[in-house]
Amino acid sequence: MREKINIKKIDQLNQRASKILEIKDVYLNDTFFKSVTKFIEEQDLKPINQIIKLLYLSGNEKFPVGKIMLNKKNRKIVGFVGTYYSIRTEENEKLLFCNIHSWIVVKSFRLYSYYLISDLLNKDISLTAFTPIQSLKGLLLKLGFKKFFVVEHFIFALSIFNLKKNKFKILNNETEIISNLDKKTKLIFKNYHDEIYHKIFLKNDSGENIFIIGTKIKKKGFNVFKILYISNTKIFKSNYNEILNMIGKTFKVLLISKYSLENEDFAYLKSKLLIFSRPRDLYSRASHQIQSYDILNSDLIL
């Protein structure tokens, strides 16, 4: 009954909103893009460079990087939300995901915050919101999103100084790396070409290999390597101590961060120098389980 009441209220708000507001998609190179960056700067909510970087990373010809909400009366932007689209293939079916981020609405129009994504709610798209501000969390639940959580682990890589010989070696030749990847992982390797992504391919003498994507960020003055994607979790769990050691040495970091999704076993990390783990609430309106690939295509990369 509550769901029906919410839908009725949203329909009523939609009718009111459509009379005073207009929603437009924004693409990376269109005329609205500069207006969007100016609007974000004026709100002074969080570092502008982080939001702009996300827009460039998510930008392509097929999908918009965000949506703006215009006041019909004066044609001014009164709201913006970033849209990070990605396609995941599962059992030969292509699934379209959209991670919404940087949801900004001026105070006098916040009653209509939901209107920014109202058209997305009626499309065959799996929606995620991984970093909503507190005031939007209740709204997301009313719009049919479900709350789940991930745990972010911060690991102290003291073994950066370990001189023990590794059984894995790092391959740097792109042609050699690609020849060792399956079809799905090849696409992932090629898609993430921006300099922000650090890709590491490890292979041992028995032919086992693992491909990892991460970003190097600063957290409270410390350099942190953030592991975002692992091609083979079984190999990682069996050799995590050595792999984390190699990451620490290669990228000259003392801290390594890794996300664990709900119901994912992370007990093996406790034998490492785990500083602390931080649970995070995430929101999803998807019929498919969230995977690490979806985190790779979201604002959690920064």
C-alpha atoms as a PDB file:
ATOM      1  CA  MET A   1       0.000   0.000   0.000  1.00  0.00           C
ATOM      2  CA  ARG A   2       2.812   2.395   0.897  1.00  0.00           C
ATOM      3  CA  GLU A   3       4.411   1.839  -2.522  1.00  0.00           C
ATOM      4  CA  LYS A   4       1.123   2.728  -4.282  1.00  0.00           C
ATOM      5  CA  ILE A   5       0.779   5.881  -2.197  1.00  0.00           C
ATOM      6  CA  ASN A   6       4.348   6.914  -3.059  1.00  0.00           C
ATOM      7  CA  ILE A   7       3.760   6.334  -6.777  1.00  0.00           C
ATOM      8  CA  LYS A   8       0.572   8.427  -6.633  1.00  0.00           C
ATOM      9  CA  LYS A   9       2.394  11.255  -4.871  1.00  0.00           C
ATOM     10  CA  ILE A  10       5.268  11.111  -7.351  1.00  0.00           C
ATOM     11  CA  ASP A  11       2.831  11.263 -10.276  1.00  0.00           C
ATOM     12  CA  GLN A  12       1.233  14.348  -8.747  1.00  0.00           C
ATOM     13  CA  LEU A  13       4.622  15.967  -8.235  1.00  0.00           C
ATOM     14  CA  ASN A  14       5.584  15.074 -11.809  1.00  0.00           C
ATOM     15  CA  GLN A  15       2.591  16.972 -13.128  1.00  0.00           C
ATOM     16  CA  ARG A  16       3.484  20.015 -11.039  1.00  0.00           C
ATOM     17  CA  ALA A  17       7.177  19.810 -11.890  1.00  0.00           C
ATOM     18  CA  SER A  18       6.588  19.542 -15.648  1.00  0.00           C
ATOM     19  CA  LYS A  19       4.807  22.919 -15.587  1.00  0.00           C
ATOM     20  CA  ILE A  20       7.788  24.795 -14.162  1.00  0.00           C
ATOM     21  CA  LEU A  21      10.811  22.605 -14.925  1.00  0.00           C
ATOM     22  CA  GLU A  22      12.490  21.005 -17.910  1.00  0.00           C
ATOM     23  CA  ILE A  23      15.009  18.149 -17.927  1.00  0.00           C
ATOM     24  CA  LYS A  24      17.764  17.952 -20.548  1.00  0.00           C
ATOM     25  CA  ASP A  25      20.517  15.399 -21.128  1.00  0.00           C
ATOM     26  CA  VAL A  26      24.052  16.793 -21.173  1.00  0.00           C
ATOM     27  CA  TYR A  27      26.779  15.300 -23.354  1.00  0.00           C
ATOM     28  CA  LEU A  28      30.478  15.920 -22.964  1.00  0.00           C
ATOM     29  CA  ASN A  29      30.889  18.237 -25.941  1.00  0.00           C
ATOM     30  CA  ASP A  30      27.517  19.927 -26.201  1.00  0.00           C
ATOM     31  CA  THR A  31      26.652  23.573 -25.539  1.00  0.00           C
ATOM     32  CA  PHE A  32      25.330  22.928 -22.020  1.00  0.00           C
ATOM     33  CA  PHE A  33      28.543  21.397 -20.701  1.00  0.00           C
ATOM     34  CA  LYS A  34      30.238  24.702 -19.822  1.00  0.00           C
ATOM     35  CA  SER A  35      27.033  25.905 -18.164  1.00  0.00           C
ATOM     36  CA  VAL A  36      27.013  22.735 -16.066  1.00  0.00           C
ATOM     37  CA  THR A  37      30.587  23.235 -14.834  1.00  0.00           C
ATOM     38  CA  LYS A  38      29.759  26.834 -13.943  1.00  0.00           C
ATOM     39  CA  PHE A  39      26.655  25.709 -12.031  1.00  0.00           C
ATOM     40  CA  ILE A  40      28.642  23.130 -10.059  1.00  0.00           C
ATOM     41  CA  GLU A  41      31.310  25.704  -9.193  1.00  0.00           C
ATOM     42  CA  GLU A  42      28.665  28.085  -7.873  1.00  0.00           C
ATOM     43  CA  GLN A  43      27.278  25.451  -5.464  1.00  0.00           C
ATOM     44  CA  ASP A  44      30.654  24.984  -3.745  1.00  0.00           C
ATOM     45  CA  LEU A  45      29.702  21.539  -2.375  1.00  0.00           C
ATOM     46  CA  LYS A  46      32.800  19.446  -3.053  1.00  0.00           C
ATOM     47  CA  PRO A  47      35.968  19.722  -5.170  1.00  0.00           C
ATOM     48  CA  ILE A  48      34.918  20.742  -8.667  1.00  0.00           C
ATOM     49  CA  ASN A  49      37.863  18.878 -10.221  1.00  0.00           C
ATOM     50  CA  GLN A  50      36.591  15.552  -8.856  1.00  0.00           C
ATOM     51  CA  ILE A  51      33.147  15.969 -10.421  1.00  0.00           C
ATOM     52  CA  ILE A  52      34.538  17.204 -13.742  1.00  0.00           C
ATOM     53  CA  LYS A  53      36.982  14.285 -13.856  1.00  0.00           C
ATOM     54  CA  LEU A  54      34.069  11.859 -13.415  1.00  0.00           C
ATOM     55  CA  LEU A  55      32.164  13.535 -16.238  1.00  0.00           C
ATOM     56  CA  TYR A  56      35.110  13.116 -18.605  1.00  0.00           C
ATOM     57  CA  LEU A  57      35.658   9.510 -17.548  1.00  0.00           C
ATOM     58  CA  SER A  58      32.005   8.629 -18.146  1.00  0.00           C
ATOM     59  CA  GLY A  59      31.669  10.579 -21.380  1.00  0.00           C
ATOM     60  CA  ASN A  60      31.090   8.875 -24.712  1.00  0.00           C
ATOM     61  CA  GLU A  61      29.033   9.446 -27.846  1.00  0.00           C
ATOM     62  CA  LYS A  62      26.221   7.066 -26.886  1.00  0.00           C
ATOM     63  CA  PHE A  63      25.318   8.216 -23.396  1.00  0.00           C
ATOM     64  CA  PRO A  64      24.965  11.558 -21.601  1.00  0.00           C
ATOM     65  CA  VAL A  65      27.279  12.452 -18.722  1.00  0.00           C
ATOM     66  CA  GLY A  66      24.471  14.037 -16.763  1.00  0.00           C
ATOM     67  CA  LYS A  67      21.086  15.696 -16.616  1.00  0.00           C
ATOM     68  CA  ILE A  68      20.233  19.302 -15.896  1.00  0.00           C
ATOM     69  CA  MET A  69      17.001  20.729 -14.540  1.00  0.00           C
ATOM     70  CA  LEU A  70      16.023  24.096 -16.016  1.00  0.00           C
ATOM     71  CA  ASN A  71      13.643  26.643 -14.571  1.00  0.00           C
ATOM     72  CA  LYS A  72      11.253  27.278 -17.492  1.00  0.00           C
ATOM     73  CA  LYS A  73      10.643  30.821 -16.310  1.00  0.00           C
ATOM     74  CA  ASN A  74      14.210  32.110 -16.717  1.00  0.00           C
ATOM     75  CA  ARG A  75      16.002  29.115 -18.358  1.00  0.00           C
ATOM     76  CA  LYS A  76      18.479  28.917 -15.479  1.00  0.00           C
ATOM     77  CA  ILE A  77      19.939  25.621 -14.278  1.00  0.00           C
ATOM     78  CA  VAL A  78      18.504  24.723 -10.878  1.00  0.00           C
ATOM     79  CA  GLY A  79      19.646  21.101 -10.657  1.00  0.00           C
ATOM     80  CA  PHE A  80      22.180  18.593 -11.963  1.00  0.00           C
ATOM     81  CA  VAL A  81      22.917  14.897 -11.605  1.00  0.00           C
ATOM     82  CA  GLY A  82      25.853  12.998 -13.105  1.00  0.00           C
ATOM     83  CA  THR A  83      25.060   9.807 -15.041  1.00  0.00           C
ATOM     84  CA  TYR A  84      27.835   7.229 -15.449  1.00  0.00           C
ATOM     85  CA  TYR A  85      26.581   4.605 -17.926  1.00  0.00           C
ATOM     86  CA  SER A  86      28.118   1.173 -18.474  1.00  0.00           C
ATOM     87  CA  ILE A  87      27.174  -2.089 -20.149  1.00  0.00           C
ATOM     88  CA  ARG A  88      27.741  -5.433 -18.472  1.00  0.00           C
ATOM     89  CA  THR A  89      27.289  -8.748 -20.271  1.00  0.00           C
ATOM     90  CA  GLU A  90      25.801 -11.571 -18.221  1.00  0.00           C
ATOM     91  CA  GLU A  91      24.777 -14.930 -19.702  1.00  0.00           C
ATOM     92  CA  ASN A  92      24.939 -13.446 -23.228  1.00  0.00           C
ATOM     93  CA  GLU A  93      22.577 -10.646 -22.188  1.00  0.00           C
ATOM     94  CA  LYS A  94      23.699  -7.021 -22.288  1.00  0.00           C
ATOM     95  CA  LEU A  95      22.678  -5.127 -19.148  1.00  0.00           C
ATOM     96  CA  LEU A  96      22.631  -1.341 -19.058  1.00  0.00           C
ATOM     97  CA  PHE A  97      23.684   0.280 -15.778  1.00  0.00           C
ATOM     98  CA  CYS A  98      23.654   3.933 -14.788  1.00  0.00           C
ATOM     99  CA  ASN A  99      25.419   5.170 -11.676  1.00  0.00           C
ATOM    100  CA  ILE A 100      23.998   8.508 -10.548  1.00  0.00           C
ATOM    101  CA  HIS A 101      26.351  10.824  -8.694  1.00  0.00           C
ATOM    102  CA  SER A 102      26.900  14.484  -7.810  1.00  0.00           C
ATOM    103  CA  TRP A 103      23.182  15.104  -7.292  1.00  0.00           C
ATOM    104  CA  ILE A 104      22.915  18.882  -6.833  1.00  0.00           C
ATOM    105  CA  VAL A 105      19.700  20.929  -6.580  1.00  0.00           C
ATOM    106  CA  VAL A 106      19.380  24.539  -5.430  1.00  0.00           C
ATOM    107  CA  LYS A 107      17.539  24.864  -2.134  1.00  0.00           C
ATOM    108  CA  SER A 108      14.331  26.438  -3.462  1.00  0.00           C
ATOM    109  CA  PHE A 109      13.766  23.503  -5.865  1.00  0.00           C
ATOM    110  CA  ARG A 110      14.772  20.544  -3.686  1.00  0.00           C
ATOM    111  CA  LEU A 111      11.176  19.353  -3.448  1.00  0.00           C
ATOM    112  CA  TYR A 112      11.653  18.331  -7.082  1.00  0.00           C
ATOM    113  CA  SER A 113      15.061  16.651  -6.677  1.00  0.00           C
ATOM    114  CA  TYR A 114      13.612  13.316  -7.806  1.00  0.00           C
ATOM    115  CA  TYR A 115      12.503  14.917 -11.109  1.00  0.00           C
ATOM    116  CA  LEU A 116      16.102  14.808 -12.356  1.00  0.00           C
ATOM    117  CA  ILE A 117      15.903  11.017 -12.651  1.00  0.00           C
ATOM    118  CA  SER A 118      12.148  10.602 -13.191  1.00  0.00           C
ATOM    119  CA  ASP A 119      12.552   9.459 -16.800  1.00  0.00           C
ATOM    120  CA  LEU A 120      15.279   6.965 -15.829  1.00  0.00           C
ATOM    121  CA  LEU A 121      12.875   5.278 -13.415  1.00  0.00           C
ATOM    122  CA  ASN A 122      10.653   4.266 -16.339  1.00  0.00           C
ATOM    123  CA  LYS A 123      13.435   2.840 -18.515  1.00  0.00           C
ATOM    124  CA  ASP A 124      14.987  -0.616 -18.606  1.00  0.00           C
ATOM    125  CA  ILE A 125      18.110   0.560 -16.792  1.00  0.00           C
ATOM    126  CA  SER A 126      19.709  -0.715 -13.613  1.00  0.00           C
ATOM    127  CA  LEU A 127      20.288   2.360 -11.465  1.00  0.00           C
ATOM    128  CA  THR A 128      22.861   2.686  -8.700  1.00  0.00           C
ATOM    129  CA  ALA A 129      23.693   5.493  -6.273  1.00  0.00           C
ATOM    130  CA  PHE A 130      26.864   4.803  -4.334  1.00  0.00           C
ATOM    131  CA  THR A 131      27.587   8.127  -2.621  1.00  0.00           C
ATOM    132  CA  PRO A 132      24.271   9.905  -1.962  1.00  0.00           C
ATOM    133  CA  ILE A 133      24.192  12.619   0.680  1.00  0.00           C
ATOM    134  CA  GLN A 134      22.170  11.834   3.795  1.00  0.00           C
ATOM    135  CA  SER A 135      19.161  13.926   2.748  1.00  0.00           C
ATOM    136  CA  LEU A 136      18.720  11.898  -0.472  1.00  0.00           C
ATOM    137  CA  LYS A 137      18.827   8.422   1.069  1.00  0.00           C
ATOM    138  CA  GLY A 138      15.184   8.430   2.149  1.00  0.00           C
ATOM    139  CA  LEU A 139      14.143   9.688  -1.285  1.00  0.00           C
ATOM    140  CA  LEU A 140      15.995   6.844  -2.989  1.00  0.00           C
ATOM    141  CA  LEU A 141      14.169   4.274  -0.858  1.00  0.00           C
ATOM    142  CA  LYS A 142      10.837   5.866  -1.776  1.00  0.00           C
ATOM    143  CA  LEU A 143      11.799   5.663  -5.457  1.00  0.00           C
ATOM    144  CA  GLY A 144      12.298   1.903  -5.241  1.00  0.00           C
ATOM    145  CA  PHE A 145      16.024   1.703  -4.538  1.00  0.00           C
ATOM    146  CA  LYS A 146      17.237  -0.925  -2.094  1.00  0.00           C
ATOM    147  CA  LYS A 147      20.009  -0.378   0.400  1.00  0.00           C
ATOM    148  CA  PHE A 148      22.954  -2.739   0.598  1.00  0.00           C
ATOM    149  CA  PHE A 149      26.514  -2.267   1.721  1.00  0.00           C
ATOM    150  CA  VAL A 150      30.125  -2.786   0.816  1.00  0.00           C
ATOM    151  CA  VAL A 151      33.069  -2.844   3.170  1.00  0.00           C
ATOM    152  CA  GLU A 152      36.147  -0.854   2.261  1.00  0.00           C
ATOM    153  CA  HIS A 153      39.302  -2.358   3.766  1.00  0.00           C
ATOM    154  CA  PHE A 154      42.472  -0.353   4.308  1.00  0.00           C
ATOM    155  CA  ILE A 155      45.583  -2.518   4.400  1.00  0.00           C
ATOM    156  CA  PHE A 156      49.033  -1.411   5.578  1.00  0.00           C
ATOM    157  CA  ALA A 157      51.526  -2.694   3.009  1.00  0.00           C
ATOM    158  CA  LEU A 158      54.604  -3.013   5.194  1.00  0.00           C
ATOM    159  CA  SER A 159      55.861  -5.686   2.797  1.00  0.00           C
ATOM    160  CA  ILE A 160      56.702  -2.890   0.369  1.00  0.00           C
ATOM    161  CA  PHE A 161      60.202  -3.324   1.778  1.00  0.00           C
ATOM    162  CA  ASN A 162      60.242  -7.114   1.476  1.00  0.00           C
ATOM    163  CA  LEU A 163      63.056  -8.322  -0.781  1.00  0.00           C
ATOM    164  CA  LYS A 164      61.782 -11.899  -1.029  1.00  0.00           C
ATOM    165  CA  LYS A 165      61.645 -13.223  -4.592  1.00  0.00           C
ATOM    166  CA  ASN A 166      58.126 -13.262  -6.027  1.00  0.00           C
ATOM    167  CA  LYS A 167      56.683 -16.190  -7.958  1.00  0.00           C
ATOM    168  CA  PHE A 168      54.609 -13.736 -10.007  1.00  0.00           C
ATOM    169  CA  LYS A 169      56.109 -11.386 -12.542  1.00  0.00           C
ATOM    170  CA  ILE A 170      54.614  -8.196 -13.912  1.00  0.00           C
ATOM    171  CA  LEU A 171      54.058  -8.075 -17.661  1.00  0.00           C
ATOM    172  CA  ASN A 172      54.383  -4.609 -19.185  1.00  0.00           C
ATOM    173  CA  ASN A 173      54.164  -5.387 -22.886  1.00  0.00           C
ATOM    174  CA  GLU A 174      50.597  -4.639 -23.991  1.00  0.00           C
ATOM    175  CA  THR A 175      50.643  -7.171 -26.846  1.00  0.00           C
ATOM    176  CA  GLU A 176      51.819  -9.902 -24.479  1.00  0.00           C
ATOM    177  CA  ILE A 177      49.214  -8.931 -21.876  1.00  0.00           C
ATOM    178  CA  ILE A 178      46.323  -8.993 -24.368  1.00  0.00           C
ATOM    179  CA  SER A 179      47.390 -12.416 -25.644  1.00  0.00           C
ATOM    180  CA  ASN A 180      46.894 -13.768 -22.091  1.00  0.00           C
ATOM    181  CA  LEU A 181      43.409 -12.297 -21.591  1.00  0.00           C
ATOM    182  CA  ASP A 182      40.057 -13.855 -22.386  1.00  0.00           C
ATOM    183  CA  LYS A 183      37.586 -11.988 -24.605  1.00  0.00           C
ATOM    184  CA  LYS A 184      35.704 -10.310 -21.745  1.00  0.00           C
ATOM    185  CA  THR A 185      38.845  -9.151 -19.938  1.00  0.00           C
ATOM    186  CA  LYS A 186      40.367  -7.854 -23.180  1.00  0.00           C
ATOM    187  CA  LEU A 187      37.443  -5.456 -23.526  1.00  0.00           C
ATOM    188  CA  ILE A 188      37.903  -4.286 -19.946  1.00  0.00           C
ATOM    189  CA  PHE A 189      41.638  -3.795 -20.530  1.00  0.00           C
ATOM    190  CA  LYS A 190      41.000  -1.647 -23.614  1.00  0.00           C
ATOM    191  CA  ASN A 191      38.093   0.364 -22.193  1.00  0.00           C
ATOM    192  CA  TYR A 192      39.954   1.845 -19.237  1.00  0.00           C
ATOM    193  CA  HIS A 193      42.687   3.786 -20.965  1.00  0.00           C
ATOM    194  CA  ASP A 194      42.597   7.083 -19.056  1.00  0.00           C
ATOM    195  CA  GLU A 195      45.776   7.838 -17.111  1.00  0.00           C
ATOM    196  CA  ILE A 196      43.847   7.713 -13.822  1.00  0.00           C
ATOM    197  CA  TYR A 197      43.486   3.927 -14.158  1.00  0.00           C
ATOM    198  CA  HIS A 198      46.491   1.826 -13.196  1.00  0.00           C
ATOM    199  CA  LYS A 199      46.493  -1.638 -14.731  1.00  0.00           C
ATOM    200  CA  ILE A 200      48.694  -4.441 -13.482  1.00  0.00           C
ATOM    201  CA  PHE A 201      48.984  -7.900 -15.035  1.00  0.00           C
ATOM    202  CA  LEU A 202      50.706 -10.658 -13.049  1.00  0.00           C
ATOM    203  CA  LYS A 203      51.690 -14.098 -14.293  1.00  0.00           C
ATOM    204  CA  ASN A 204      53.535 -17.008 -12.663  1.00  0.00           C
ATOM    205  CA  ASP A 205      55.568 -19.905 -14.076  1.00  0.00           C
ATOM    206  CA  SER A 206      52.582 -22.276 -13.991  1.00  0.00           C
ATOM    207  CA  GLY A 207      50.605 -20.004 -16.321  1.00  0.00           C
ATOM    208  CA  GLU A 208      48.275 -18.572 -13.692  1.00  0.00           C
ATOM    209  CA  ASN A 209      47.539 -14.902 -14.240  1.00  0.00           C
ATOM    210  CA  ILE A 210      45.552 -12.100 -12.696  1.00  0.00           C
ATOM    211  CA  PHE A 211      44.620  -8.680 -14.036  1.00  0.00           C
ATOM    212  CA  ILE A 212      43.922  -5.799 -11.639  1.00  0.00           C
ATOM    213  CA  ILE A 213      42.677  -2.242 -12.184  1.00  0.00           C
ATOM    214  CA  GLY A 214      42.998   0.440  -9.546  1.00  0.00           C
ATOM    215  CA  THR A 215      43.422   4.141  -8.939  1.00  0.00           C
ATOM    216  CA  LYS A 216      46.010   5.958  -6.869  1.00  0.00           C
ATOM    217  CA  ILE A 217      44.411   8.584  -4.657  1.00  0.00           C
ATOM    218  CA  LYS A 218      45.172  10.632  -1.561  1.00  0.00           C
ATOM    219  CA  LYS A 219      43.350   9.960   1.705  1.00  0.00           C
ATOM    220  CA  LYS A 220      44.168  12.345   4.555  1.00  0.00           C
ATOM    221  CA  GLY A 221      47.604  13.036   3.130  1.00  0.00           C
ATOM    222  CA  PHE A 222      48.489   9.377   2.399  1.00  0.00           C
ATOM    223  CA  ASN A 223      48.837   7.842  -1.041  1.00  0.00           C
ATOM    224  CA  VAL A 224      46.420   4.917  -1.370  1.00  0.00           C
ATOM    225  CA  PHE A 225      46.155   2.362  -4.167  1.00  0.00           C
ATOM    226  CA  LYS A 226      42.454   1.604  -4.545  1.00  0.00           C
ATOM    227  CA  ILE A 227      41.795  -1.885  -5.974  1.00  0.00           C
ATOM    228  CA  LEU A 228      38.642  -1.669  -8.105  1.00  0.00           C
ATOM    229  CA  TYR A 229      38.652  -4.741 -10.329  1.00  0.00           C
ATOM    230  CA  ILE A 230      40.202  -8.203 -10.015  1.00  0.00           C
ATOM    231  CA  SER A 231      39.910 -10.654 -12.909  1.00  0.00           C
ATOM    232  CA  ASN A 232      40.384 -13.788 -10.801  1.00  0.00           C
ATOM    233  CA  THR A 233      39.360 -13.626  -7.143  1.00  0.00           C
ATOM    234  CA  LYS A 234      40.434 -17.226  -6.491  1.00  0.00           C
ATOM    235  CA  ILE A 235      44.040 -16.494  -7.445  1.00  0.00           C
ATOM    236  CA  PHE A 236      43.948 -13.231  -5.518  1.00  0.00           C
ATOM    237  CA  LYS A 237      42.775 -14.935  -2.310  1.00  0.00           C
ATOM    238  CA  SER A 238      45.424 -17.638  -2.626  1.00  0.00           C
ATOM    239  CA  ASN A 239      48.237 -15.173  -3.258  1.00  0.00           C
ATOM    240  CA  TYR A 240      46.983 -11.897  -1.841  1.00  0.00           C
ATOM    241  CA  ASN A 241      49.988 -11.356   0.425  1.00  0.00           C
ATOM    242  CA  GLU A 242      52.423 -11.445  -2.484  1.00  0.00           C
ATOM    243  CA  ILE A 243      50.105  -9.527  -4.840  1.00  0.00           C
ATOM    244  CA  LEU A 244      49.569  -6.700  -2.353  1.00  0.00           C
ATOM    245  CA  ASN A 245      53.304  -6.617  -1.759  1.00  0.00           C
ATOM    246  CA  MET A 246      53.932  -6.174  -5.497  1.00  0.00           C
ATOM    247  CA  ILE A 247      51.288  -3.454  -5.762  1.00  0.00           C
ATOM    248  CA  GLY A 248      52.863  -1.609  -2.829  1.00  0.00           C
ATOM    249  CA  LYS A 249      56.316  -1.739  -4.394  1.00  0.00           C
ATOM    250  CA  THR A 250      55.184  -0.911  -7.922  1.00  0.00           C
ATOM    251  CA  PHE A 251      53.071   2.116  -6.987  1.00  0.00           C
ATOM    252  CA  LYS A 252      55.101   3.193  -3.938  1.00  0.00           C
ATOM    253  CA  VAL A 253      52.221   3.201  -1.494  1.00  0.00           C
ATOM    254  CA  LEU A 254      51.924   2.113   2.118  1.00  0.00           C
ATOM    255  CA  LEU A 255      48.140   1.858   2.038  1.00  0.00           C
ATOM    256  CA  ILE A 256      46.004  -0.349  -0.192  1.00  0.00           C
ATOM    257  CA  SER A 257      42.211  -0.173  -0.287  1.00  0.00           C
ATOM    258  CA  LYS A 258      39.848  -2.922  -1.420  1.00  0.00           C
ATOM    259  CA  TYR A 259      36.049  -3.168  -1.527  1.00  0.00           C
ATOM    260  CA  SER A 260      34.184  -6.307  -0.483  1.00  0.00           C
ATOM    261  CA  LEU A 261      30.577  -6.687  -1.572  1.00  0.00           C
ATOM    262  CA  GLU A 262      27.826  -8.129   0.611  1.00  0.00           C
ATOM    263  CA  ASN A 263      28.288 -11.825   1.447  1.00  0.00           C
ATOM    264  CA  GLU A 264      31.820 -11.771   0.034  1.00  0.00           C
ATOM    265  CA  ASP A 265      34.354 -13.544   2.218  1.00  0.00           C
ATOM    266  CA  PHE A 266      37.138 -11.231   3.404  1.00  0.00           C
ATOM    267  CA  ALA A 267      38.362 -13.209   6.404  1.00  0.00           C
ATOM    268  CA  TYR A 268      41.617 -13.929   4.561  1.00  0.00           C
ATOM    269  CA  LEU A 269      42.515 -10.234   4.730  1.00  0.00           C
ATOM    270  CA  LYS A 270      42.627 -10.297   8.512  1.00  0.00           C
ATOM    271  CA  SER A 271      45.955 -12.083   8.495  1.00  0.00           C
ATOM    272  CA  LYS A 272      47.405  -9.126   6.633  1.00  0.00           C
ATOM    273  CA  LEU A 273      48.103  -5.799   8.366  1.00  0.00           C
ATOM    274  CA  LEU A 274      44.520  -4.624   8.140  1.00  0.00           C
ATOM    275  CA  ILE A 275      44.276  -1.160   9.659  1.00  0.00           C
ATOM    276  CA  PHE A 276      40.512  -0.860   9.621  1.00  0.00           C
ATOM    277  CA  SER A 277      37.401  -1.641   7.601  1.00  0.00           C
ATOM    278  CA  ARG A 278      34.680   0.868   6.830  1.00  0.00           C
ATOM    279  CA  PRO A 279      31.155  -0.197   5.825  1.00  0.00           C
ATOM    280  CA  ARG A 280      29.415   1.986   3.248  1.00  0.00           C
ATOM    281  CA  ASP A 281      25.718   2.142   2.390  1.00  0.00           C
ATOM    282  CA  LEU A 282      25.037   1.790  -1.321  1.00  0.00           C
ATOM    283  CA  TYR A 283      21.721   2.021  -3.156  1.00  0.00           C
ATOM    284  CA  SER A 284      20.573   0.039  -6.151  1.00  0.00           C
ATOM    285  CA  ARG A 285      17.464  -0.213  -8.307  1.00  0.00           C
ATOM    286  CA  ALA A 286      18.630  -3.229 -10.268  1.00  0.00           C
ATOM    287  CA  SER A 287      17.325  -6.722 -10.818  1.00  0.00           C
ATOM    288  CA  HIS A 288      20.887  -8.056 -10.989  1.00  0.00           C
ATOM    289  CA  GLN A 289      23.411  -8.330  -8.191  1.00  0.00           C
ATOM    290  CA  ILE A 290      25.995  -5.563  -8.028  1.00  0.00           C
ATOM    291  CA  GLN A 291      29.484  -6.717  -9.010  1.00  0.00           C
ATOM    292  CA  SER A 292      32.957  -5.185  -8.755  1.00  0.00           C
ATOM    293  CA  TYR A 293      32.669  -4.194 -12.427  1.00  0.00           C
ATOM    294  CA  ASP A 294      29.825  -1.840 -11.450  1.00  0.00           C
ATOM    295  CA  ILE A 295      32.047  -0.182  -8.836  1.00  0.00           C
ATOM    296  CA  LEU A 296      34.656   0.323 -11.547  1.00  0.00           C
ATOM    297  CA  ASN A 297      32.053   2.374 -13.442  1.00  0.00           C
ATOM    298  CA  SER A 298      31.054   4.673 -10.624  1.00  0.00           C
ATOM    299  CA  ASP A 299      32.150   7.589  -8.502  1.00  0.00           C
ATOM    300  CA  LEU A 300      33.787   5.170  -6.045  1.00  0.00           C
ATOM    301  CA  ILE A 301      36.858   5.137  -8.280  1.00  0.00           C
ATOM    302  CA  LEU A 302      37.960   8.465  -6.745  1.00  0.00           C
END
